[in-house]
């Protein structure tokens, strides 16, 4: 159960991707296909955001030690 809760965002992304692809392949209506592609695109965006989440991470700010502050 803790594995599912710790990786919930990946399961949600997989479900959104499957739903979007299902709409694209099952519908003959072009408007519905566009909605399916939008759902799939949202899932890929959420996937990229989920990959960037690092617990305890900080922003990668490089400070030049030679420059006065």
C-alpha atoms as a PDB file:
ATOM      1  CA  UNK A   1       0.000   0.000   0.000  1.00  0.00           C
ATOM      2  CA  UNK A   2       2.816   2.423   0.795  1.00  0.00           C
ATOM      3  CA  UNK A   3       4.369   1.737  -2.628  1.00  0.00           C
ATOM      4  CA  UNK A   4       1.119   2.748  -4.302  1.00  0.00           C
ATOM      5  CA  UNK A   5       0.829   5.911  -2.241  1.00  0.00           C
ATOM      6  CA  UNK A   6       4.441   6.922  -2.799  1.00  0.00           C
ATOM      7  CA  UNK A   7       4.122   6.418  -6.575  1.00  0.00           C
ATOM      8  CA  UNK A   8       0.534   7.622  -6.942  1.00  0.00           C
ATOM      9  CA  UNK A   9       1.425  10.310  -9.493  1.00  0.00           C
ATOM     10  CA  UNK A  10       2.911   7.717 -11.855  1.00  0.00           C
ATOM     11  CA  UNK A  11      -0.224   5.564 -11.644  1.00  0.00           C
ATOM     12  CA  UNK A  12      -2.362   8.656 -12.324  1.00  0.00           C
ATOM     13  CA  UNK A  13      -0.215   9.521 -15.353  1.00  0.00           C
ATOM     14  CA  UNK A  14      -0.531   5.973 -16.698  1.00  0.00           C
ATOM     15  CA  UNK A  15      -4.313   6.069 -16.260  1.00  0.00           C
ATOM     16  CA  UNK A  16      -4.575   9.444 -18.035  1.00  0.00           C
ATOM     17  CA  UNK A  17      -2.384   8.228 -20.901  1.00  0.00           C
ATOM     18  CA  UNK A  18      -4.487   5.105 -21.344  1.00  0.00           C
ATOM     19  CA  UNK A  19      -7.708   7.124 -21.238  1.00  0.00           C
ATOM     20  CA  UNK A  20      -6.415   9.615 -23.801  1.00  0.00           C
ATOM     21  CA  UNK A  21      -5.211   6.922 -26.177  1.00  0.00           C
ATOM     22  CA  UNK A  22      -8.483   5.033 -25.783  1.00  0.00           C
ATOM     23  CA  UNK A  23     -10.448   8.115 -26.808  1.00  0.00           C
ATOM     24  CA  UNK A  24      -8.144   8.721 -29.782  1.00  0.00           C
ATOM     25  CA  UNK A  25      -8.380   5.175 -31.115  1.00  0.00           C
ATOM     26  CA  UNK A  26     -12.017   4.438 -30.328  1.00  0.00           C
ATOM     27  CA  UNK A  27     -13.648   7.617 -31.586  1.00  0.00           C
ATOM     28  CA  UNK A  28     -14.350   8.535 -35.181  1.00  0.00           C
ATOM     29  CA  UNK A  29     -15.296  12.093 -34.281  1.00  0.00           C
ATOM     30  CA  UNK A  30     -12.382  14.500 -34.808  1.00  0.00           C
ATOM     31  CA  UNK A  31     -13.367  16.755 -31.900  1.00  0.00           C
ATOM     32  CA  UNK A  32     -13.330  13.789 -29.528  1.00  0.00           C
ATOM     33  CA  UNK A  33      -9.955  12.750 -30.926  1.00  0.00           C
ATOM     34  CA  UNK A  34      -8.591  16.216 -30.219  1.00  0.00           C
ATOM     35  CA  UNK A  35      -9.869  15.978 -26.649  1.00  0.00           C
ATOM     36  CA  UNK A  36      -8.153  12.588 -26.308  1.00  0.00           C
ATOM     37  CA  UNK A  37      -4.890  14.081 -27.571  1.00  0.00           C
ATOM     38  CA  UNK A  38      -5.242  16.929 -25.062  1.00  0.00           C
ATOM     39  CA  UNK A  39      -5.696  14.398 -22.245  1.00  0.00           C
ATOM     40  CA  UNK A  40      -2.617  12.508 -23.423  1.00  0.00           C
ATOM     41  CA  UNK A  41      -0.611  15.743 -23.620  1.00  0.00           C
ATOM     42  CA  UNK A  42      -1.655  16.646 -20.080  1.00  0.00           C
ATOM     43  CA  UNK A  43      -0.485  13.237 -18.893  1.00  0.00           C
ATOM     44  CA  UNK A  44       2.946  13.686 -20.463  1.00  0.00           C
ATOM     45  CA  UNK A  45       3.274  17.123 -18.871  1.00  0.00           C
ATOM     46  CA  UNK A  46       2.390  15.698 -15.467  1.00  0.00           C
ATOM     47  CA  UNK A  47       4.915  12.921 -16.021  1.00  0.00           C
ATOM     48  CA  UNK A  48       7.717  15.398 -16.696  1.00  0.00           C
ATOM     49  CA  UNK A  49       6.750  17.432 -13.631  1.00  0.00           C
ATOM     50  CA  UNK A  50       6.666  14.263 -11.506  1.00  0.00           C
ATOM     51  CA  UNK A  51      10.164  13.306 -12.619  1.00  0.00           C
ATOM     52  CA  UNK A  52      11.484  16.676 -11.453  1.00  0.00           C
ATOM     53  CA  UNK A  53      10.237  16.210  -7.879  1.00  0.00           C
ATOM     54  CA  UNK A  54      13.126  15.314  -5.602  1.00  0.00           C
ATOM     55  CA  UNK A  55      12.522  15.104  -1.861  1.00  0.00           C
ATOM     56  CA  UNK A  56      14.970  17.310   0.001  1.00  0.00           C
ATOM     57  CA  UNK A  57      16.213  18.869  -3.239  1.00  0.00           C
ATOM     58  CA  UNK A  58      17.082  22.521  -3.696  1.00  0.00           C
ATOM     59  CA  UNK A  59      17.324  24.785  -6.722  1.00  0.00           C
ATOM     60  CA  UNK A  60      20.570  24.354  -8.679  1.00  0.00           C
ATOM     61  CA  UNK A  61      21.984  27.853  -8.218  1.00  0.00           C
ATOM     62  CA  UNK A  62      25.664  28.216  -9.097  1.00  0.00           C
ATOM     63  CA  UNK A  63      27.473  30.989  -7.235  1.00  0.00           C
ATOM     64  CA  UNK A  64      30.797  32.209  -8.525  1.00  0.00           C
ATOM     65  CA  UNK A  65      33.152  32.331  -5.504  1.00  0.00           C
ATOM     66  CA  UNK A  66      35.269  35.072  -7.125  1.00  0.00           C
ATOM     67  CA  UNK A  67      32.419  37.576  -7.432  1.00  0.00           C
ATOM     68  CA  UNK A  68      31.786  39.906  -4.461  1.00  0.00           C
ATOM     69  CA  UNK A  69      28.353  39.828  -2.946  1.00  0.00           C
END
